[in-house]
């Protein structure tokens, strides 16, 4: 089998001050089907060519004045030392940094993950997500705060997950980062009050105070002073101090008759010996005449004891 002879042209690269891309063809042949070369021979020639290019001395970049668009162009005469040109084009990796856009262009950035709160049914950012402790449910910070505040308004100190029957629970320290200071303090105070037995705790009867008070002794105390507002109240009736009225009398009064003005009227009626109608509780004053009087509501009663007459001019209590 005859072997093909291949003519090789030796090029002295030191004699040429031209670009590497301008070297003549190294291997002869390959121009027609009669002078075709093998793949192995072509690979060897190609590697030789690349070695020659890599060994060329570095020359400064030649700059052209301006291209057609008026931009400066710099042309490199050779490849950097130690590098080899690749025969195949590599795919560029996408830029992973933040996008840079010109004014008027829409930026292409990764959208912030969001979720839909199941309470308010609104789309919220991921940073607004609050997970319930002990379960998989999660809601937005605003809805959890309002939920806790509404439970405290109903005097509920153990606050469970909004989902009925769920084992999740909310605790003050766990929720502290999203709760306003006043809601967090109210929750802490409510938990402290829950530790005191209900029979031993009560509150200052004055509405502008309402401080928590504790009855911690067996001694019967009537008049006492609130340590917070320094006003007197009755510890037995748990109302502002009713001076001049016994506790059993005060407790027998209707809810609308326990005010300061009502007590003053009651004391005046005792001084004037007025009687109250046993039916409508209207005060009646008798000047003279029979001890049996008839109220404007039509009820007849005894003016001496205040009992209702069973028949005209007869009192079963006074028997007369």
C-alpha atoms as a PDB file:
ATOM      1  CA  UNK A   1       0.000   0.000   0.000  1.00  0.00           C
ATOM      2  CA  UNK A   2       1.486   3.261  -1.117  1.00  0.00           C
ATOM      3  CA  UNK A   3       1.914   6.019   1.384  1.00  0.00           C
ATOM      4  CA  UNK A   4       1.057   9.542   0.530  1.00  0.00           C
ATOM      5  CA  UNK A   5       3.803  12.078   0.727  1.00  0.00           C
ATOM      6  CA  UNK A   6       2.837  15.393   2.244  1.00  0.00           C
ATOM      7  CA  UNK A   7       4.745  18.516   1.458  1.00  0.00           C
ATOM      8  CA  UNK A   8       5.188  20.823   4.419  1.00  0.00           C
ATOM      9  CA  UNK A   9       6.009  24.492   4.120  1.00  0.00           C
ATOM     10  CA  UNK A  10       8.346  25.788   6.850  1.00  0.00           C
ATOM     11  CA  UNK A  11       7.564  29.324   7.841  1.00  0.00           C
ATOM     12  CA  UNK A  12      10.017  31.508   9.731  1.00  0.00           C
ATOM     13  CA  UNK A  13       7.648  33.538  11.872  1.00  0.00           C
ATOM     14  CA  UNK A  14      10.387  35.925  13.010  1.00  0.00           C
ATOM     15  CA  UNK A  15      10.554  37.329   9.482  1.00  0.00           C
ATOM     16  CA  UNK A  16       6.933  38.368   9.532  1.00  0.00           C
ATOM     17  CA  UNK A  17       5.435  41.194  11.483  1.00  0.00           C
ATOM     18  CA  UNK A  18       1.876  40.381  10.574  1.00  0.00           C
ATOM     19  CA  UNK A  19      -1.152  39.179  12.342  1.00  0.00           C
ATOM     20  CA  UNK A  20      -1.413  35.491  13.241  1.00  0.00           C
ATOM     21  CA  UNK A  21      -4.594  35.237  11.278  1.00  0.00           C
ATOM     22  CA  UNK A  22      -2.690  36.119   8.091  1.00  0.00           C
ATOM     23  CA  UNK A  23      -0.360  33.081   7.969  1.00  0.00           C
ATOM     24  CA  UNK A  24      -0.549  31.066   4.804  1.00  0.00           C
ATOM     25  CA  UNK A  25      -1.829  27.558   4.767  1.00  0.00           C
ATOM     26  CA  UNK A  26       0.676  25.250   6.476  1.00  0.00           C
ATOM     27  CA  UNK A  27      -0.225  21.892   5.009  1.00  0.00           C
ATOM     28  CA  UNK A  28      -0.342  21.398   1.318  1.00  0.00           C
ATOM     29  CA  UNK A  29      -3.249  19.642  -0.191  1.00  0.00           C
ATOM     30  CA  UNK A  30      -6.852  19.485   0.736  1.00  0.00           C
ATOM     31  CA  UNK A  31      -7.936  21.837  -2.019  1.00  0.00           C
ATOM     32  CA  UNK A  32      -9.466  19.159  -4.282  1.00  0.00           C
ATOM     33  CA  UNK A  33     -10.809  15.680  -3.877  1.00  0.00           C
ATOM     34  CA  UNK A  34      -7.587  14.309  -5.421  1.00  0.00           C
ATOM     35  CA  UNK A  35      -5.384  16.031  -2.855  1.00  0.00           C
ATOM     36  CA  UNK A  36      -7.522  15.338   0.226  1.00  0.00           C
ATOM     37  CA  UNK A  37      -5.740  14.862   3.541  1.00  0.00           C
ATOM     38  CA  UNK A  38      -6.699  12.648   6.453  1.00  0.00           C
ATOM     39  CA  UNK A  39      -8.340  13.898   9.631  1.00  0.00           C
ATOM     40  CA  UNK A  40      -5.289  12.862  11.662  1.00  0.00           C
ATOM     41  CA  UNK A  41      -2.972  14.843   9.390  1.00  0.00           C
ATOM     42  CA  UNK A  42      -5.277  17.879   9.558  1.00  0.00           C
ATOM     43  CA  UNK A  43      -5.320  17.730  13.358  1.00  0.00           C
ATOM     44  CA  UNK A  44      -1.511  17.608  13.518  1.00  0.00           C
ATOM     45  CA  UNK A  45      -1.255  20.561  11.149  1.00  0.00           C
ATOM     46  CA  UNK A  46      -3.787  22.489  13.174  1.00  0.00           C
ATOM     47  CA  UNK A  47      -1.917  21.923  16.432  1.00  0.00           C
ATOM     48  CA  UNK A  48       1.322  23.014  14.790  1.00  0.00           C
ATOM     49  CA  UNK A  49      -0.346  26.163  13.578  1.00  0.00           C
ATOM     50  CA  UNK A  50      -1.680  26.949  17.020  1.00  0.00           C
ATOM     51  CA  UNK A  51       1.734  26.351  18.599  1.00  0.00           C
ATOM     52  CA  UNK A  52       3.305  28.832  16.159  1.00  0.00           C
ATOM     53  CA  UNK A  53       0.645  31.434  16.953  1.00  0.00           C
ATOM     54  CA  UNK A  54       1.103  30.968  20.705  1.00  0.00           C
ATOM     55  CA  UNK A  55       4.893  31.414  20.428  1.00  0.00           C
ATOM     56  CA  UNK A  56       4.659  34.738  18.622  1.00  0.00           C
ATOM     57  CA  UNK A  57       6.027  37.723  20.591  1.00  0.00           C
ATOM     58  CA  UNK A  58       3.385  40.033  22.045  1.00  0.00           C
ATOM     59  CA  UNK A  59       2.978  43.234  20.154  1.00  0.00           C
ATOM     60  CA  UNK A  60       1.066  46.282  21.227  1.00  0.00           C
ATOM     61  CA  UNK A  61      -2.504  46.677  20.058  1.00  0.00           C
ATOM     62  CA  UNK A  62      -2.960  48.549  16.851  1.00  0.00           C
ATOM     63  CA  UNK A  63      -5.651  51.173  17.058  1.00  0.00           C
ATOM     64  CA  UNK A  64      -7.604  52.488  14.188  1.00  0.00           C
ATOM     65  CA  UNK A  65      -8.682  56.068  14.217  1.00  0.00           C
ATOM     66  CA  UNK A  66     -12.426  55.630  14.000  1.00  0.00           C
ATOM     67  CA  UNK A  67     -14.864  53.246  12.437  1.00  0.00           C
ATOM     68  CA  UNK A  68     -17.890  54.236  10.460  1.00  0.00           C
ATOM     69  CA  UNK A  69     -19.910  54.983  13.597  1.00  0.00           C
ATOM     70  CA  UNK A  70     -17.215  57.181  15.094  1.00  0.00           C
ATOM     71  CA  UNK A  71     -16.193  54.681  17.857  1.00  0.00           C
ATOM     72  CA  UNK A  72     -12.566  53.897  18.650  1.00  0.00           C
ATOM     73  CA  UNK A  73     -11.532  50.339  17.748  1.00  0.00           C
ATOM     74  CA  UNK A  74      -8.544  48.422  19.189  1.00  0.00           C
ATOM     75  CA  UNK A  75      -7.274  45.357  17.303  1.00  0.00           C
ATOM     76  CA  UNK A  76      -5.147  42.699  18.993  1.00  0.00           C
ATOM     77  CA  UNK A  77      -2.453  41.192  16.778  1.00  0.00           C
ATOM     78  CA  UNK A  78      -2.055  37.953  18.727  1.00  0.00           C
ATOM     79  CA  UNK A  79      -3.511  35.790  21.421  1.00  0.00           C
ATOM     80  CA  UNK A  80      -2.253  36.214  25.001  1.00  0.00           C
ATOM     81  CA  UNK A  81       0.624  33.967  25.989  1.00  0.00           C
ATOM     82  CA  UNK A  82      -0.437  30.640  27.449  1.00  0.00           C
ATOM     83  CA  UNK A  83      -3.857  30.591  25.804  1.00  0.00           C
ATOM     84  CA  UNK A  84      -5.090  28.617  22.845  1.00  0.00           C
ATOM     85  CA  UNK A  85      -7.989  29.535  20.627  1.00  0.00           C
ATOM     86  CA  UNK A  86     -10.868  27.132  20.812  1.00  0.00           C
ATOM     87  CA  UNK A  87     -12.138  25.477  17.701  1.00  0.00           C
ATOM     88  CA  UNK A  88     -15.705  25.516  18.959  1.00  0.00           C
ATOM     89  CA  UNK A  89     -17.664  28.515  20.172  1.00  0.00           C
ATOM     90  CA  UNK A  90     -18.667  28.325  23.849  1.00  0.00           C
ATOM     91  CA  UNK A  91     -22.078  29.444  24.990  1.00  0.00           C
ATOM     92  CA  UNK A  92     -21.980  32.491  27.191  1.00  0.00           C
ATOM     93  CA  UNK A  93     -23.343  32.094  30.694  1.00  0.00           C
ATOM     94  CA  UNK A  94     -26.183  34.433  31.636  1.00  0.00           C
ATOM     95  CA  UNK A  95     -25.182  37.397  33.758  1.00  0.00           C
ATOM     96  CA  UNK A  96     -26.082  36.652  37.354  1.00  0.00           C
ATOM     97  CA  UNK A  97     -25.748  40.126  38.848  1.00  0.00           C
ATOM     98  CA  UNK A  98     -28.276  42.901  39.093  1.00  0.00           C
ATOM     99  CA  UNK A  99     -29.537  44.243  35.801  1.00  0.00           C
ATOM    100  CA  UNK A 100     -28.443  47.634  34.531  1.00  0.00           C
ATOM    101  CA  UNK A 101     -30.904  49.514  32.386  1.00  0.00           C
ATOM    102  CA  UNK A 102     -30.977  52.821  30.652  1.00  0.00           C
ATOM    103  CA  UNK A 103     -33.582  55.424  31.663  1.00  0.00           C
ATOM    104  CA  UNK A 104     -36.965  54.542  30.235  1.00  0.00           C
ATOM    105  CA  UNK A 105     -36.245  50.801  30.041  1.00  0.00           C
ATOM    106  CA  UNK A 106     -37.969  48.220  32.265  1.00  0.00           C
ATOM    107  CA  UNK A 107     -35.593  46.401  34.580  1.00  0.00           C
ATOM    108  CA  UNK A 108     -35.549  42.620  34.491  1.00  0.00           C
ATOM    109  CA  UNK A 109     -35.082  41.421  38.063  1.00  0.00           C
ATOM    110  CA  UNK A 110     -36.172  38.416  40.065  1.00  0.00           C
ATOM    111  CA  UNK A 111     -39.652  39.099  41.514  1.00  0.00           C
ATOM    112  CA  UNK A 112     -40.018  39.124  45.286  1.00  0.00           C
ATOM    113  CA  UNK A 113     -41.875  35.952  46.353  1.00  0.00           C
ATOM    114  CA  UNK A 114     -45.315  36.740  47.774  1.00  0.00           C
ATOM    115  CA  UNK A 115     -48.257  34.930  49.361  1.00  0.00           C
ATOM    116  CA  UNK A 116     -51.981  35.442  49.892  1.00  0.00           C
ATOM    117  CA  UNK A 117     -53.125  35.851  53.511  1.00  0.00           C
ATOM    118  CA  UNK A 118     -56.092  33.582  54.232  1.00  0.00           C
ATOM    119  CA  UNK A 119     -57.658  36.116  56.637  1.00  0.00           C
ATOM    120  CA  UNK A 120     -57.595  39.373  54.656  1.00  0.00           C
ATOM    121  CA  UNK A 121     -57.231  37.585  51.275  1.00  0.00           C
ATOM    122  CA  UNK A 122     -54.615  40.094  50.115  1.00  0.00           C
ATOM    123  CA  UNK A 123     -51.283  39.505  48.399  1.00  0.00           C
ATOM    124  CA  UNK A 124     -48.424  40.186  50.792  1.00  0.00           C
ATOM    125  CA  UNK A 125     -44.636  40.167  50.507  1.00  0.00           C
ATOM    126  CA  UNK A 126     -42.724  37.236  51.943  1.00  0.00           C
ATOM    127  CA  UNK A 127     -41.264  39.482  54.654  1.00  0.00           C
ATOM    128  CA  UNK A 128     -44.790  40.055  55.995  1.00  0.00           C
ATOM    129  CA  UNK A 129     -45.360  36.339  56.627  1.00  0.00           C
ATOM    130  CA  UNK A 130     -45.930  35.186  60.240  1.00  0.00           C
ATOM    131  CA  UNK A 131     -46.079  31.448  60.985  1.00  0.00           C
ATOM    132  CA  UNK A 132     -48.199  30.156  63.860  1.00  0.00           C
ATOM    133  CA  UNK A 133     -46.191  28.213  66.425  1.00  0.00           C
ATOM    134  CA  UNK A 134     -46.909  24.492  66.477  1.00  0.00           C
ATOM    135  CA  UNK A 135     -48.715  24.237  63.127  1.00  0.00           C
ATOM    136  CA  UNK A 136     -48.279  24.941  59.415  1.00  0.00           C
ATOM    137  CA  UNK A 137     -50.658  27.914  59.190  1.00  0.00           C
ATOM    138  CA  UNK A 138     -49.279  31.361  58.357  1.00  0.00           C
ATOM    139  CA  UNK A 139     -50.851  34.810  58.003  1.00  0.00           C
ATOM    140  CA  UNK A 140     -49.730  38.395  57.531  1.00  0.00           C
ATOM    141  CA  UNK A 141     -48.430  40.420  60.474  1.00  0.00           C
ATOM    142  CA  UNK A 142     -51.365  42.857  60.491  1.00  0.00           C
ATOM    143  CA  UNK A 143     -54.003  40.129  60.709  1.00  0.00           C
ATOM    144  CA  UNK A 144     -52.187  38.307  63.519  1.00  0.00           C
ATOM    145  CA  UNK A 145     -51.884  41.565  65.496  1.00  0.00           C
ATOM    146  CA  UNK A 146     -55.590  42.350  65.101  1.00  0.00           C
ATOM    147  CA  UNK A 147     -56.489  38.768  66.011  1.00  0.00           C
ATOM    148  CA  UNK A 148     -54.494  38.931  69.260  1.00  0.00           C
ATOM    149  CA  UNK A 149     -55.964  42.345  70.172  1.00  0.00           C
ATOM    150  CA  UNK A 150     -59.534  41.105  69.651  1.00  0.00           C
ATOM    151  CA  UNK A 151     -58.923  38.073  71.874  1.00  0.00           C
ATOM    152  CA  UNK A 152     -57.527  40.259  74.650  1.00  0.00           C
ATOM    153  CA  UNK A 153     -60.565  42.516  74.321  1.00  0.00           C
ATOM    154  CA  UNK A 154     -62.690  39.448  75.101  1.00  0.00           C
ATOM    155  CA  UNK A 155     -60.502  38.673  78.169  1.00  0.00           C
ATOM    156  CA  UNK A 156     -58.972  35.619  76.494  1.00  0.00           C
ATOM    157  CA  UNK A 157     -55.358  35.048  77.552  1.00  0.00           C
ATOM    158  CA  UNK A 158     -54.676  31.682  75.885  1.00  0.00           C
ATOM    159  CA  UNK A 159     -54.803  32.440  72.177  1.00  0.00           C
ATOM    160  CA  UNK A 160     -54.891  29.488  69.801  1.00  0.00           C
ATOM    161  CA  UNK A 161     -54.475  29.309  66.029  1.00  0.00           C
ATOM    162  CA  UNK A 162     -57.335  31.013  64.124  1.00  0.00           C
ATOM    163  CA  UNK A 163     -58.174  27.652  62.540  1.00  0.00           C
ATOM    164  CA  UNK A 164     -60.688  25.840  64.738  1.00  0.00           C
ATOM    165  CA  UNK A 165     -59.343  22.607  66.222  1.00  0.00           C
ATOM    166  CA  UNK A 166     -55.731  23.368  65.256  1.00  0.00           C
ATOM    167  CA  UNK A 167     -52.992  22.637  67.800  1.00  0.00           C
ATOM    168  CA  UNK A 168     -51.109  25.846  66.989  1.00  0.00           C
ATOM    169  CA  UNK A 169     -50.781  28.459  69.716  1.00  0.00           C
ATOM    170  CA  UNK A 170     -49.661  32.077  70.007  1.00  0.00           C
ATOM    171  CA  UNK A 171     -47.460  33.222  72.888  1.00  0.00           C
ATOM    172  CA  UNK A 172     -46.436  36.761  73.919  1.00  0.00           C
ATOM    173  CA  UNK A 173     -42.686  36.352  73.454  1.00  0.00           C
ATOM    174  CA  UNK A 174     -43.162  34.529  70.148  1.00  0.00           C
ATOM    175  CA  UNK A 175     -45.329  37.381  68.811  1.00  0.00           C
ATOM    176  CA  UNK A 176     -43.427  40.266  70.412  1.00  0.00           C
ATOM    177  CA  UNK A 177     -41.652  41.290  67.202  1.00  0.00           C
ATOM    178  CA  UNK A 178     -44.937  42.138  65.425  1.00  0.00           C
ATOM    179  CA  UNK A 179     -47.110  43.385  68.332  1.00  0.00           C
ATOM    180  CA  UNK A 180     -47.399  47.073  69.280  1.00  0.00           C
ATOM    181  CA  UNK A 181     -46.044  47.784  72.788  1.00  0.00           C
ATOM    182  CA  UNK A 182     -49.504  48.510  74.224  1.00  0.00           C
ATOM    183  CA  UNK A 183     -50.916  45.195  72.976  1.00  0.00           C
ATOM    184  CA  UNK A 184     -47.916  43.249  74.294  1.00  0.00           C
ATOM    185  CA  UNK A 185     -48.188  44.931  77.734  1.00  0.00           C
ATOM    186  CA  UNK A 186     -51.929  44.299  77.909  1.00  0.00           C
ATOM    187  CA  UNK A 187     -51.340  40.631  77.135  1.00  0.00           C
ATOM    188  CA  UNK A 188     -48.717  40.360  79.878  1.00  0.00           C
ATOM    189  CA  UNK A 189     -50.990  42.058  82.425  1.00  0.00           C
ATOM    190  CA  UNK A 190     -53.879  39.769  81.485  1.00  0.00           C
ATOM    191  CA  UNK A 191     -51.702  36.683  82.033  1.00  0.00           C
ATOM    192  CA  UNK A 192     -50.654  37.983  85.464  1.00  0.00           C
ATOM    193  CA  UNK A 193     -54.268  38.658  86.442  1.00  0.00           C
ATOM    194  CA  UNK A 194     -55.270  35.165  85.339  1.00  0.00           C
ATOM    195  CA  UNK A 195     -52.959  33.721  88.006  1.00  0.00           C
ATOM    196  CA  UNK A 196     -55.009  35.389  90.798  1.00  0.00           C
ATOM    197  CA  UNK A 197     -58.184  33.536  91.883  1.00  0.00           C
ATOM    198  CA  UNK A 198     -61.322  35.324  90.753  1.00  0.00           C
ATOM    199  CA  UNK A 199     -62.728  35.464  94.306  1.00  0.00           C
ATOM    200  CA  UNK A 200     -59.694  37.429  95.488  1.00  0.00           C
ATOM    201  CA  UNK A 201     -59.376  40.002  92.733  1.00  0.00           C
ATOM    202  CA  UNK A 202     -61.460  43.017  91.883  1.00  0.00           C
ATOM    203  CA  UNK A 203     -60.906  46.410  90.310  1.00  0.00           C
ATOM    204  CA  UNK A 204     -61.083  49.974  91.506  1.00  0.00           C
ATOM    205  CA  UNK A 205     -64.733  51.042  91.015  1.00  0.00           C
ATOM    206  CA  UNK A 206     -63.767  54.408  89.520  1.00  0.00           C
ATOM    207  CA  UNK A 207     -63.852  54.107  85.737  1.00  0.00           C
ATOM    208  CA  UNK A 208     -60.909  56.410  85.166  1.00  0.00           C
ATOM    209  CA  UNK A 209     -58.727  54.161  87.365  1.00  0.00           C
ATOM    210  CA  UNK A 210     -59.807  50.477  87.243  1.00  0.00           C
ATOM    211  CA  UNK A 211     -56.597  49.331  88.957  1.00  0.00           C
ATOM    212  CA  UNK A 212     -56.325  45.656  89.880  1.00  0.00           C
ATOM    213  CA  UNK A 213     -56.907  45.087  93.612  1.00  0.00           C
ATOM    214  CA  UNK A 214     -56.554  41.910  95.667  1.00  0.00           C
ATOM    215  CA  UNK A 215     -58.491  40.931  98.758  1.00  0.00           C
ATOM    216  CA  UNK A 216     -55.779  38.919 100.503  1.00  0.00           C
ATOM    217  CA  UNK A 217     -57.168  38.615 104.043  1.00  0.00           C
ATOM    218  CA  UNK A 218     -60.062  37.097 105.960  1.00  0.00           C
ATOM    219  CA  UNK A 219     -60.844  40.315 107.855  1.00  0.00           C
ATOM    220  CA  UNK A 220     -64.022  42.109 106.820  1.00  0.00           C
ATOM    221  CA  UNK A 221     -63.051  45.430 105.282  1.00  0.00           C
ATOM    222  CA  UNK A 222     -65.577  48.101 104.333  1.00  0.00           C
ATOM    223  CA  UNK A 223     -64.056  51.475 103.648  1.00  0.00           C
ATOM    224  CA  UNK A 224     -60.730  51.262 101.842  1.00  0.00           C
ATOM    225  CA  UNK A 225     -58.506  53.432  99.678  1.00  0.00           C
ATOM    226  CA  UNK A 226     -57.276  52.629  96.189  1.00  0.00           C
ATOM    227  CA  UNK A 227     -53.454  52.684  96.145  1.00  0.00           C
ATOM    228  CA  UNK A 228     -53.504  53.998  92.589  1.00  0.00           C
ATOM    229  CA  UNK A 229     -55.991  56.887  92.571  1.00  0.00           C
ATOM    230  CA  UNK A 230     -56.185  57.438  96.377  1.00  0.00           C
ATOM    231  CA  UNK A 231     -59.993  57.537  96.442  1.00  0.00           C
ATOM    232  CA  UNK A 232     -62.195  55.733  98.974  1.00  0.00           C
ATOM    233  CA  UNK A 233     -64.416  52.817  98.077  1.00  0.00           C
ATOM    234  CA  UNK A 234     -66.410  50.088  99.817  1.00  0.00           C
ATOM    235  CA  UNK A 235     -64.570  46.765  99.714  1.00  0.00           C
ATOM    236  CA  UNK A 236     -67.778  44.849 100.532  1.00  0.00           C
ATOM    237  CA  UNK A 237     -69.996  46.390  97.857  1.00  0.00           C
ATOM    238  CA  UNK A 238     -67.017  47.141  95.555  1.00  0.00           C
ATOM    239  CA  UNK A 239     -68.400  50.574  94.700  1.00  0.00           C
ATOM    240  CA  UNK A 240     -67.343  54.147  95.535  1.00  0.00           C
ATOM    241  CA  UNK A 241     -67.753  54.792  99.250  1.00  0.00           C
ATOM    242  CA  UNK A 242     -71.440  55.205 100.202  1.00  0.00           C
ATOM    243  CA  UNK A 243     -71.145  57.364 103.305  1.00  0.00           C
ATOM    244  CA  UNK A 244     -74.116  57.194 105.675  1.00  0.00           C
ATOM    245  CA  UNK A 245     -75.687  54.138 104.018  1.00  0.00           C
ATOM    246  CA  UNK A 246     -75.236  50.647 105.381  1.00  0.00           C
ATOM    247  CA  UNK A 247     -74.012  47.971 103.041  1.00  0.00           C
ATOM    248  CA  UNK A 248     -77.171  45.855 103.294  1.00  0.00           C
ATOM    249  CA  UNK A 249     -79.290  48.905 102.454  1.00  0.00           C
ATOM    250  CA  UNK A 250     -77.085  49.864  99.566  1.00  0.00           C
ATOM    251  CA  UNK A 251     -77.096  46.351  98.140  1.00  0.00           C
ATOM    252  CA  UNK A 252     -80.912  46.396  98.276  1.00  0.00           C
ATOM    253  CA  UNK A 253     -81.037  49.370  95.930  1.00  0.00           C
ATOM    254  CA  UNK A 254     -81.633  49.004  92.232  1.00  0.00           C
ATOM    255  CA  UNK A 255     -78.733  49.480  89.803  1.00  0.00           C
ATOM    256  CA  UNK A 256     -80.012  52.908  88.771  1.00  0.00           C
ATOM    257  CA  UNK A 257     -80.293  54.122  92.364  1.00  0.00           C
ATOM    258  CA  UNK A 258     -76.722  53.670  93.554  1.00  0.00           C
ATOM    259  CA  UNK A 259     -75.301  56.900  92.249  1.00  0.00           C
ATOM    260  CA  UNK A 260     -74.157  59.750  94.462  1.00  0.00           C
ATOM    261  CA  UNK A 261     -77.256  61.847  93.737  1.00  0.00           C
ATOM    262  CA  UNK A 262     -79.542  58.882  94.401  1.00  0.00           C
ATOM    263  CA  UNK A 263     -77.959  58.303  97.801  1.00  0.00           C
ATOM    264  CA  UNK A 264     -78.319  61.993  98.689  1.00  0.00           C
ATOM    265  CA  UNK A 265     -82.018  61.847  97.761  1.00  0.00           C
ATOM    266  CA  UNK A 266     -82.490  58.727  99.859  1.00  0.00           C
ATOM    267  CA  UNK A 267     -80.904  60.413 102.891  1.00  0.00           C
ATOM    268  CA  UNK A 268     -83.156  63.457 102.389  1.00  0.00           C
ATOM    269  CA  UNK A 269     -86.237  61.199 102.232  1.00  0.00           C
ATOM    270  CA  UNK A 270     -85.244  59.614 105.553  1.00  0.00           C
ATOM    271  CA  UNK A 271     -84.906  63.036 107.158  1.00  0.00           C
ATOM    272  CA  UNK A 272     -88.294  64.186 105.803  1.00  0.00           C
ATOM    273  CA  UNK A 273     -89.978  60.829 106.581  1.00  0.00           C
ATOM    274  CA  UNK A 274     -91.032  60.300 103.000  1.00  0.00           C
ATOM    275  CA  UNK A 275     -92.292  56.931 101.842  1.00  0.00           C
ATOM    276  CA  UNK A 276     -91.768  55.145  98.575  1.00  0.00           C
ATOM    277  CA  UNK A 277     -94.558  53.479  96.696  1.00  0.00           C
ATOM    278  CA  UNK A 278     -94.042  49.682  96.894  1.00  0.00           C
ATOM    279  CA  UNK A 279     -94.928  49.375  93.202  1.00  0.00           C
ATOM    280  CA  UNK A 280     -93.378  52.302  91.293  1.00  0.00           C
ATOM    281  CA  UNK A 281     -90.823  53.402  93.960  1.00  0.00           C
ATOM    282  CA  UNK A 282     -91.958  57.015  93.637  1.00  0.00           C
ATOM    283  CA  UNK A 283     -91.436  59.115  96.790  1.00  0.00           C
ATOM    284  CA  UNK A 284     -94.653  60.267  98.479  1.00  0.00           C
ATOM    285  CA  UNK A 285     -95.017  62.866 101.242  1.00  0.00           C
ATOM    286  CA  UNK A 286     -98.067  62.871 103.541  1.00  0.00           C
ATOM    287  CA  UNK A 287     -98.843  66.164 105.196  1.00  0.00           C
ATOM    288  CA  UNK A 288    -101.844  65.141 107.322  1.00  0.00           C
ATOM    289  CA  UNK A 289    -104.856  62.889 107.401  1.00  0.00           C
ATOM    290  CA  UNK A 290    -105.244  59.110 107.226  1.00  0.00           C
ATOM    291  CA  UNK A 291    -102.075  56.958 107.329  1.00  0.00           C
ATOM    292  CA  UNK A 292    -103.211  55.161 104.204  1.00  0.00           C
ATOM    293  CA  UNK A 293    -102.221  56.933 100.997  1.00  0.00           C
ATOM    294  CA  UNK A 294    -102.873  56.237  97.369  1.00  0.00           C
ATOM    295  CA  UNK A 295    -100.019  56.707  94.906  1.00  0.00           C
ATOM    296  CA  UNK A 296    -100.459  58.229  91.478  1.00  0.00           C
ATOM    297  CA  UNK A 297    -100.001  54.738  90.012  1.00  0.00           C
ATOM    298  CA  UNK A 298    -103.204  53.675  91.823  1.00  0.00           C
ATOM    299  CA  UNK A 299    -101.634  51.527  94.562  1.00  0.00           C
ATOM    300  CA  UNK A 300    -102.737  52.096  98.173  1.00  0.00           C
ATOM    301  CA  UNK A 301    -100.125  51.536 100.892  1.00  0.00           C
ATOM    302  CA  UNK A 302     -99.531  52.184 104.563  1.00  0.00           C
ATOM    303  CA  UNK A 303     -97.581  55.364 105.203  1.00  0.00           C
ATOM    304  CA  UNK A 304     -96.377  54.106 108.588  1.00  0.00           C
ATOM    305  CA  UNK A 305     -94.470  51.031 107.364  1.00  0.00           C
ATOM    306  CA  UNK A 306     -94.655  51.378 103.578  1.00  0.00           C
ATOM    307  CA  UNK A 307     -96.438  48.022 103.029  1.00  0.00           C
ATOM    308  CA  UNK A 308     -99.088  47.673 100.364  1.00  0.00           C
ATOM    309  CA  UNK A 309    -102.639  47.489 101.715  1.00  0.00           C
ATOM    310  CA  UNK A 310    -104.485  44.217 101.045  1.00  0.00           C
ATOM    311  CA  UNK A 311    -107.775  46.056 101.153  1.00  0.00           C
ATOM    312  CA  UNK A 312    -108.824  49.635 101.679  1.00  0.00           C
ATOM    313  CA  UNK A 313    -107.508  51.148 104.913  1.00  0.00           C
ATOM    314  CA  UNK A 314    -106.067  47.906 106.259  1.00  0.00           C
ATOM    315  CA  UNK A 315    -102.359  47.116 106.717  1.00  0.00           C
ATOM    316  CA  UNK A 316    -101.521  43.448 107.388  1.00  0.00           C
ATOM    317  CA  UNK A 317     -98.212  44.469 108.921  1.00  0.00           C
ATOM    318  CA  UNK A 318     -99.519  47.137 111.266  1.00  0.00           C
ATOM    319  CA  UNK A 319    -102.889  45.355 111.558  1.00  0.00           C
ATOM    320  CA  UNK A 320    -104.771  48.508 111.346  1.00  0.00           C
END
